[in-house]
PDB file of all heavy atoms in Angstrom:
ATOM      1  N   LYS A   1     104.341  96.900 114.436  1.00  0.00           N
ATOM      2  CA  LYS A   1     104.273  96.444 115.850  1.00  0.00           C
ATOM      3  C   LYS A   1     103.634  95.019 115.889  1.00  0.00           C
ATOM      4  O   LYS A   1     104.285  94.016 115.918  1.00  0.00           O
ATOM      5  CB  LYS A   1     103.467  97.446 116.632  1.00  0.00           C
ATOM      6  CG  LYS A   1     104.263  98.762 116.662  1.00  0.00           C
ATOM      7  CD  LYS A   1     103.395  99.851 117.482  1.00  0.00           C
ATOM      8  CE  LYS A   1     104.156 101.197 117.555  1.00  0.00           C
ATOM      9  NZ  LYS A   1     103.427 102.180 118.230  1.00  0.00           N
ATOM     10  N   PHE A   2     102.299  95.000 115.935  1.00  0.00           N
ATOM     11  CA  PHE A   2     101.637  93.615 115.893  1.00  0.00           C
ATOM     12  C   PHE A   2     101.622  93.023 114.653  1.00  0.00           C
ATOM     13  O   PHE A   2     101.773  91.752 114.531  1.00  0.00           O
ATOM     14  CB  PHE A   2     100.171  93.935 116.410  1.00  0.00           C
ATOM     15  CG  PHE A   2      99.370  92.661 116.632  1.00  0.00           C
ATOM     16  CD1 PHE A   2      99.699  91.805 117.696  1.00  0.00           C
ATOM     17  CD2 PHE A   2      98.406  92.236 115.800  1.00  0.00           C
ATOM     18  CE1 PHE A   2      99.010  90.668 117.953  1.00  0.00           C
ATOM     19  CE2 PHE A   2      97.677  91.079 115.933  1.00  0.00           C
ATOM     20  CZ  PHE A   2      98.086  90.274 117.048  1.00  0.00           C
ATOM     21  N   TYR A   3     101.599  93.830 113.511  1.00  0.00           N
ATOM     22  CA  TYR A   3     101.840  93.333 112.157  1.00  0.00           C
ATOM     23  C   TYR A   3     103.249  93.650 111.691  1.00  0.00           C
ATOM     24  O   TYR A   3     103.972  94.432 112.299  1.00  0.00           O
ATOM     25  CB  TYR A   3     100.777  93.931 111.264  1.00  0.00           C
ATOM     26  CG  TYR A   3      99.333  93.416 111.451  1.00  0.00           C
ATOM     27  CD1 TYR A   3      98.490  93.940 112.493  1.00  0.00           C
ATOM     28  CD2 TYR A   3      98.942  92.230 110.849  1.00  0.00           C
ATOM     29  CE1 TYR A   3      97.299  93.411 112.790  1.00  0.00           C
ATOM     30  CE2 TYR A   3      97.660  91.731 111.024  1.00  0.00           C
ATOM     31  CZ  TYR A   3      96.863  92.283 112.017  1.00  0.00           C
ATOM     32  OH  TYR A   3      95.631  91.768 112.233  1.00  0.00           O
ATOM     33  N   THR A   4     103.578  92.959 110.604  1.00  0.00           N
ATOM     34  CA  THR A   4     104.954  93.097 110.031  1.00  0.00           C
ATOM     35  C   THR A   4     104.845  93.623 108.561  1.00  0.00           C
ATOM     36  O   THR A   4     104.160  93.073 107.756  1.00  0.00           O
ATOM     37  CB  THR A   4     105.669  91.866 110.140  1.00  0.00           C
ATOM     38  OG1 THR A   4     105.696  91.302 111.459  1.00  0.00           O
ATOM     39  CG2 THR A   4     107.146  92.048 109.600  1.00  0.00           C
ATOM     40  N   PHE A   5     105.577  94.687 108.292  1.00  0.00           N
ATOM     41  CA  PHE A   5     105.615  95.223 106.949  1.00  0.00           C
ATOM     42  C   PHE A   5     107.013  95.351 106.444  1.00  0.00           C
ATOM     43  O   PHE A   5     107.985  95.444 107.180  1.00  0.00           O
ATOM     44  CB  PHE A   5     104.924  96.654 106.996  1.00  0.00           C
ATOM     45  CG  PHE A   5     103.533  96.607 107.544  1.00  0.00           C
ATOM     46  CD1 PHE A   5     103.279  96.854 108.789  1.00  0.00           C
ATOM     47  CD2 PHE A   5     102.463  96.408 106.686  1.00  0.00           C
ATOM     48  CE1 PHE A   5     101.903  96.787 109.327  1.00  0.00           C
ATOM     49  CE2 PHE A   5     101.191  96.293 107.035  1.00  0.00           C
ATOM     50  CZ  PHE A   5     100.909  96.530 108.426  1.00  0.00           C
ATOM     51  N   ARG A   6     107.126  95.487 105.087  1.00  0.00           N
ATOM     52  CA  ARG A   6     108.393  95.594 104.473  1.00  0.00           C
ATOM     53  C   ARG A   6     109.038  96.911 104.899  1.00  0.00           C
ATOM     54  O   ARG A   6     108.288  97.855 105.233  1.00  0.00           O
ATOM     55  CB  ARG A   6     108.229  95.612 102.922  1.00  0.00           C
ATOM     56  CG  ARG A   6     107.861  94.320 102.342  1.00  0.00           C
ATOM     57  CD  ARG A   6     107.644  94.489 100.860  1.00  0.00           C
ATOM     58  NE  ARG A   6     107.119  93.227 100.271  1.00  0.00           N
ATOM     59  CZ  ARG A   6     106.731  93.160  99.023  1.00  0.00           C
ATOM     60  NH1 ARG A   6     106.713  94.235  98.201  1.00  0.00           N
ATOM     61  NH2 ARG A   6     106.258  91.987  98.554  1.00  0.00           N
ATOM     62  N   LYS A   7     110.396  96.917 105.054  1.00  0.00           N
ATOM     63  CA  LYS A   7     111.074  98.072 105.499  1.00  0.00           C
ATOM     64  C   LYS A   7     110.717  99.328 104.628  1.00  0.00           C
ATOM     65  O   LYS A   7     110.740  99.272 103.430  1.00  0.00           O
ATOM     66  CB  LYS A   7     112.537  97.792 105.521  1.00  0.00           C
ATOM     67  CG  LYS A   7     113.379  98.942 106.095  1.00  0.00           C
ATOM     68  CD  LYS A   7     113.040  99.120 107.553  1.00  0.00           C
ATOM     69  CE  LYS A   7     113.919 100.277 108.145  1.00  0.00           C
ATOM     70  NZ  LYS A   7     113.345 100.553 109.569  1.00  0.00           N
ATOM     71  N   ASN A   8     110.401 100.429 105.328  1.00  0.00           N
ATOM     72  CA  ASN A   8     110.086 101.759 104.725  1.00  0.00           C
ATOM     73  C   ASN A   8     108.751 101.798 104.028  1.00  0.00           C
ATOM     74  O   ASN A   8     108.355 102.847 103.575  1.00  0.00           O
ATOM     75  CB  ASN A   8     111.180 102.215 103.733  1.00  0.00           C
ATOM     76  CG  ASN A   8     112.501 102.325 104.490  1.00  0.00           C
ATOM     77  OD1 ASN A   8     112.612 102.783 105.558  1.00  0.00           O
ATOM     78  ND2 ASN A   8     113.638 101.967 103.729  1.00  0.00           N
ATOM     79  N   ASP A   9     108.034 100.705 103.999  1.00  0.00           N
ATOM     80  CA  ASP A   9     106.616 100.728 103.375  1.00  0.00           C
ATOM     81  C   ASP A   9     105.724 101.685 104.034  1.00  0.00           C
ATOM     82  O   ASP A   9     105.003 102.361 103.495  1.00  0.00           O
ATOM     83  CB  ASP A   9     106.041  99.279 103.365  1.00  0.00           C
ATOM     84  CG  ASP A   9     105.987  98.729 101.942  1.00  0.00           C
ATOM     85  OD1 ASP A   9     106.800  99.184 101.096  1.00  0.00           O
ATOM     86  OD2 ASP A   9     105.119  97.898 101.593  1.00  0.00           O
ATOM     87  N   LEU A  10     105.776 101.590 105.400  1.00  0.00           N
ATOM     88  CA  LEU A  10     104.834 102.411 106.155  1.00  0.00           C
ATOM     89  C   LEU A  10     105.195 103.936 105.990  1.00  0.00           C
ATOM     90  O   LEU A  10     104.209 104.726 105.896  1.00  0.00           O
ATOM     91  CB  LEU A  10     104.895 102.062 107.684  1.00  0.00           C
ATOM     92  CG  LEU A  10     104.397 100.665 108.063  1.00  0.00           C
ATOM     93  CD1 LEU A  10     104.501 100.424 109.586  1.00  0.00           C
ATOM     94  CD2 LEU A  10     102.962 100.523 107.641  1.00  0.00           C
ATOM     95  N   ASP A  11     106.467 104.290 105.997  1.00  0.00           N
ATOM     96  CA  ASP A  11     106.789 105.680 105.828  1.00  0.00           C
ATOM     97  C   ASP A  11     106.389 106.164 104.444  1.00  0.00           C
ATOM     98  O   ASP A  11     105.870 107.293 104.308  1.00  0.00           O
ATOM     99  CB  ASP A  11     108.318 105.844 105.914  1.00  0.00           C
ATOM    100  CG  ASP A  11     108.771 105.859 107.377  1.00  0.00           C
ATOM    101  OD1 ASP A  11     107.891 105.904 108.341  1.00  0.00           O
ATOM    102  OD2 ASP A  11     109.958 105.527 107.677  1.00  0.00           O
ATOM    103  N   LYS A  12     106.653 105.433 103.347  1.00  0.00           N
ATOM    104  CA  LYS A  12     106.241 105.760 101.976  1.00  0.00           C
ATOM    105  C   LYS A  12     104.701 105.937 101.855  1.00  0.00           C
ATOM    106  O   LYS A  12     104.165 106.896 101.360  1.00  0.00           O
ATOM    107  CB  LYS A  12     106.769 104.740 101.007  1.00  0.00           C
ATOM    108  CG  LYS A  12     108.261 104.718 100.793  1.00  0.00           C
ATOM    109  CD  LYS A  12     108.642 103.663  99.812  1.00  0.00           C
ATOM    110  CE  LYS A  12     110.123 103.613  99.727  1.00  0.00           C
ATOM    111  NZ  LYS A  12     110.597 102.502  98.841  1.00  0.00           N
ATOM    112  N   SER A  13     103.998 105.010 102.482  1.00  0.00           N
ATOM    113  CA  SER A  13     102.612 104.997 102.432  1.00  0.00           C
ATOM    114  C   SER A  13     102.030 106.291 103.124  1.00  0.00           C
ATOM    115  O   SER A  13     101.122 106.959 102.716  1.00  0.00           O
ATOM    116  CB  SER A  13     101.952 103.784 103.025  1.00  0.00           C
ATOM    117  OG  SER A  13     100.515 103.863 103.162  1.00  0.00           O
ATOM    118  N   TYR A  14     102.638 106.531 104.315  1.00  0.00           N
ATOM    119  CA  TYR A  14     102.152 107.707 105.203  1.00  0.00           C
ATOM    120  C   TYR A  14     102.392 109.006 104.411  1.00  0.00           C
ATOM    121  O   TYR A  14     101.553 109.918 104.361  1.00  0.00           O
ATOM    122  CB  TYR A  14     102.886 107.793 106.472  1.00  0.00           C
ATOM    123  CG  TYR A  14     102.518 109.009 107.239  1.00  0.00           C
ATOM    124  CD1 TYR A  14     101.302 109.186 107.794  1.00  0.00           C
ATOM    125  CD2 TYR A  14     103.421 109.973 107.421  1.00  0.00           C
ATOM    126  CE1 TYR A  14     100.951 110.303 108.481  1.00  0.00           C
ATOM    127  CE2 TYR A  14     103.189 111.138 108.089  1.00  0.00           C
ATOM    128  CZ  TYR A  14     101.883 111.306 108.630  1.00  0.00           C
ATOM    129  OH  TYR A  14     101.574 112.457 109.295  1.00  0.00           O
ATOM    130  N   ASN A  15     103.530 109.092 103.750  1.00  0.00           N
ATOM    131  CA  ASN A  15     103.799 110.361 102.995  1.00  0.00           C
ATOM    132  C   ASN A  15     102.782 110.621 101.915  1.00  0.00           C
ATOM    133  O   ASN A  15     102.472 111.771 101.617  1.00  0.00           O
ATOM    134  CB  ASN A  15     105.299 110.284 102.412  1.00  0.00           C
ATOM    135  CG  ASN A  15     106.309 110.337 103.519  1.00  0.00           C
ATOM    136  OD1 ASN A  15     106.138 110.858 104.578  1.00  0.00           O
ATOM    137  ND2 ASN A  15     107.485 109.750 103.226  1.00  0.00           N
ATOM    138  N   GLU A  16     102.309 109.504 101.311  1.00  0.00           N
ATOM    139  CA  GLU A  16     101.391 109.685 100.231  1.00  0.00           C
ATOM    140  C   GLU A  16      99.953 109.953 100.802  1.00  0.00           C
ATOM    141  O   GLU A  16      99.117 110.623 100.218  1.00  0.00           O
ATOM    142  CB  GLU A  16     101.251 108.414  99.418  1.00  0.00           C
ATOM    143  CG  GLU A  16     102.535 108.169  98.597  1.00  0.00           C
ATOM    144  CD  GLU A  16     102.500 106.849  97.960  1.00  0.00           C
ATOM    145  OE1 GLU A  16     101.602 106.065  98.037  1.00  0.00           O
ATOM    146  OE2 GLU A  16     103.571 106.487  97.274  1.00  0.00           O
ATOM    147  N   LEU A  17      99.711 109.372 102.006  1.00  0.00           N
ATOM    148  CA  LEU A  17      98.322 109.397 102.587  1.00  0.00           C
ATOM    149  C   LEU A  17      98.098 110.613 103.478  1.00  0.00           C
ATOM    150  O   LEU A  17      96.925 111.093 103.590  1.00  0.00           O
ATOM    151  CB  LEU A  17      98.291 108.140 103.546  1.00  0.00           C
ATOM    152  CG  LEU A  17      96.855 107.704 103.974  1.00  0.00           C
ATOM    153  CD1 LEU A  17      96.017 107.319 102.811  1.00  0.00           C
ATOM    154  CD2 LEU A  17      97.009 106.526 105.019  1.00  0.00           C
ATOM    155  N   ASN A  18      99.010 111.259 104.009  1.00  0.00           N
ATOM    156  CA  ASN A  18      98.858 112.309 105.012  1.00  0.00           C
ATOM    157  C   ASN A  18      97.932 113.413 104.580  1.00  0.00           C
ATOM    158  O   ASN A  18      97.056 113.812 105.338  1.00  0.00           O
ATOM    159  CB  ASN A  18     100.280 112.866 105.411  1.00  0.00           C
ATOM    160  CG  ASN A  18     100.111 113.852 106.653  1.00  0.00           C
ATOM    161  OD1 ASN A  18      99.454 113.533 107.606  1.00  0.00           O
ATOM    162  ND2 ASN A  18     100.783 114.967 106.501  1.00  0.00           N
ATOM    163  N   LYS A  19      98.156 113.959 103.358  1.00  0.00           N
ATOM    164  CA  LYS A  19      97.292 115.111 102.956  1.00  0.00           C
ATOM    165  C   LYS A  19      95.898 114.732 102.900  1.00  0.00           C
ATOM    166  O   LYS A  19      94.992 115.564 103.171  1.00  0.00           O
ATOM    167  CB  LYS A  19      97.813 115.625 101.644  1.00  0.00           C
ATOM    168  CG  LYS A  19      97.665 114.688 100.512  1.00  0.00           C
ATOM    169  CD  LYS A  19      98.101 115.408  99.178  1.00  0.00           C
ATOM    170  CE  LYS A  19      97.979 114.469  97.970  1.00  0.00           C
ATOM    171  NZ  LYS A  19      98.369 115.127  96.696  1.00  0.00           N
ATOM    172  N   TYR A  20      95.487 113.546 102.508  1.00  0.00           N
ATOM    173  CA  TYR A  20      94.103 113.026 102.421  1.00  0.00           C
ATOM    174  C   TYR A  20      93.576 112.901 103.827  1.00  0.00           C
ATOM    175  O   TYR A  20      92.466 113.229 104.159  1.00  0.00           O
ATOM    176  CB  TYR A  20      94.058 111.848 101.670  1.00  0.00           C
ATOM    177  CG  TYR A  20      94.548 111.880 100.200  1.00  0.00           C
ATOM    178  CD1 TYR A  20      95.564 111.124  99.798  1.00  0.00           C
ATOM    179  CD2 TYR A  20      93.911 112.789  99.285  1.00  0.00           C
ATOM    180  CE1 TYR A  20      96.075 111.162  98.529  1.00  0.00           C
ATOM    181  CE2 TYR A  20      94.428 112.919  97.993  1.00  0.00           C
ATOM    182  CZ  TYR A  20      95.466 112.118  97.599  1.00  0.00           C
ATOM    183  OH  TYR A  20      95.954 112.186  96.384  1.00  0.00           O
ATOM    184  N   PHE A  21      94.397 112.238 104.697  1.00  0.00           N
ATOM    185  CA  PHE A  21      93.989 112.001 106.046  1.00  0.00           C
ATOM    186  C   PHE A  21      93.674 113.352 106.725  1.00  0.00           C
ATOM    187  O   PHE A  21      92.562 113.503 107.392  1.00  0.00           O
ATOM    188  CB  PHE A  21      95.189 111.351 106.826  1.00  0.00           C
ATOM    189  CG  PHE A  21      94.760 110.638 108.023  1.00  0.00           C
ATOM    190  CD1 PHE A  21      94.260 109.389 107.957  1.00  0.00           C
ATOM    191  CD2 PHE A  21      94.859 111.131 109.353  1.00  0.00           C
ATOM    192  CE1 PHE A  21      93.856 108.665 109.204  1.00  0.00           C
ATOM    193  CE2 PHE A  21      94.540 110.536 110.477  1.00  0.00           C
ATOM    194  CZ  PHE A  21      93.980 109.302 110.395  1.00  0.00           C
ATOM    195  N   VAL A  22      94.535 114.316 106.568  1.00  0.00           N
ATOM    196  CA  VAL A  22      94.316 115.681 107.195  1.00  0.00           C
ATOM    197  C   VAL A  22      93.037 116.373 106.574  1.00  0.00           C
ATOM    198  O   VAL A  22      92.217 116.949 107.335  1.00  0.00           O
ATOM    199  CB  VAL A  22      95.516 116.515 106.964  1.00  0.00           C
ATOM    200  CG1 VAL A  22      95.219 118.038 107.431  1.00  0.00           C
ATOM    201  CG2 VAL A  22      96.632 116.012 107.764  1.00  0.00           C
ATOM    202  N   GLU A  23      92.888 116.284 105.236  1.00  0.00           N
ATOM    203  CA  GLU A  23      91.664 116.843 104.639  1.00  0.00           C
ATOM    204  C   GLU A  23      90.384 116.306 105.211  1.00  0.00           C
ATOM    205  O   GLU A  23      89.425 117.054 105.480  1.00  0.00           O
ATOM    206  CB  GLU A  23      91.847 116.584 103.085  1.00  0.00           C
ATOM    207  CG  GLU A  23      90.604 117.192 102.309  1.00  0.00           C
ATOM    208  CD  GLU A  23      90.708 116.946 100.820  1.00  0.00           C
ATOM    209  OE1 GLU A  23      91.852 116.821 100.335  1.00  0.00           O
ATOM    210  OE2 GLU A  23      89.691 116.628 100.178  1.00  0.00           O
ATOM    211  N   ILE A  24      90.382 114.954 105.331  1.00  0.00           N
ATOM    212  CA  ILE A  24      89.134 114.353 105.897  1.00  0.00           C
ATOM    213  C   ILE A  24      88.914 114.756 107.330  1.00  0.00           C
ATOM    214  O   ILE A  24      87.745 115.076 107.760  1.00  0.00           O
ATOM    215  CB  ILE A  24      89.203 112.783 105.746  1.00  0.00           C
ATOM    216  CG1 ILE A  24      89.314 112.473 104.285  1.00  0.00           C
ATOM    217  CG2 ILE A  24      87.966 112.180 106.429  1.00  0.00           C
ATOM    218  CD1 ILE A  24      89.740 111.013 104.061  1.00  0.00           C
ATOM    219  N   LEU A  25      89.964 114.882 108.146  1.00  0.00           N
ATOM    220  CA  LEU A  25      89.851 115.214 109.528  1.00  0.00           C
ATOM    221  C   LEU A  25      89.282 116.650 109.593  1.00  0.00           C
ATOM    222  O   LEU A  25      88.338 116.978 110.332  1.00  0.00           O
ATOM    223  CB  LEU A  25      91.240 115.280 110.194  1.00  0.00           C
ATOM    224  CG  LEU A  25      91.888 113.867 110.533  1.00  0.00           C
ATOM    225  CD1 LEU A  25      93.283 114.162 111.166  1.00  0.00           C
ATOM    226  CD2 LEU A  25      90.995 113.096 111.464  1.00  0.00           C
ATOM    227  N   LYS A  26      89.850 117.559 108.810  1.00  0.00           N
ATOM    228  CA  LYS A  26      89.351 119.003 108.841  1.00  0.00           C
ATOM    229  C   LYS A  26      87.815 119.018 108.449  1.00  0.00           C
ATOM    230  O   LYS A  26      87.098 119.817 109.002  1.00  0.00           O
ATOM    231  CB  LYS A  26      90.194 119.835 107.881  1.00  0.00           C
ATOM    232  CG  LYS A  26      91.601 120.171 108.427  1.00  0.00           C
ATOM    233  CD  LYS A  26      92.303 120.969 107.257  1.00  0.00           C
ATOM    234  CE  LYS A  26      93.721 121.267 107.664  1.00  0.00           C
ATOM    235  NZ  LYS A  26      94.354 122.166 106.699  1.00  0.00           N
ATOM    236  N   SER A  27      87.538 118.265 107.365  1.00  0.00           N
ATOM    237  CA  SER A  27      86.232 118.409 106.831  1.00  0.00           C
ATOM    238  C   SER A  27      85.057 117.847 107.686  1.00  0.00           C
ATOM    239  O   SER A  27      84.012 118.176 107.672  1.00  0.00           O
ATOM    240  CB  SER A  27      86.180 117.700 105.421  1.00  0.00           C
ATOM    241  OG  SER A  27      87.085 118.329 104.599  1.00  0.00           O
TER     242      SER A  27
END
């Protein structure tokens, strides 16, 4: 949006990051 990223980079990163993000939220 405000920043510009390579196509599909955000999706790939999110797929790798999501489980850690959720774990930290829960904890």
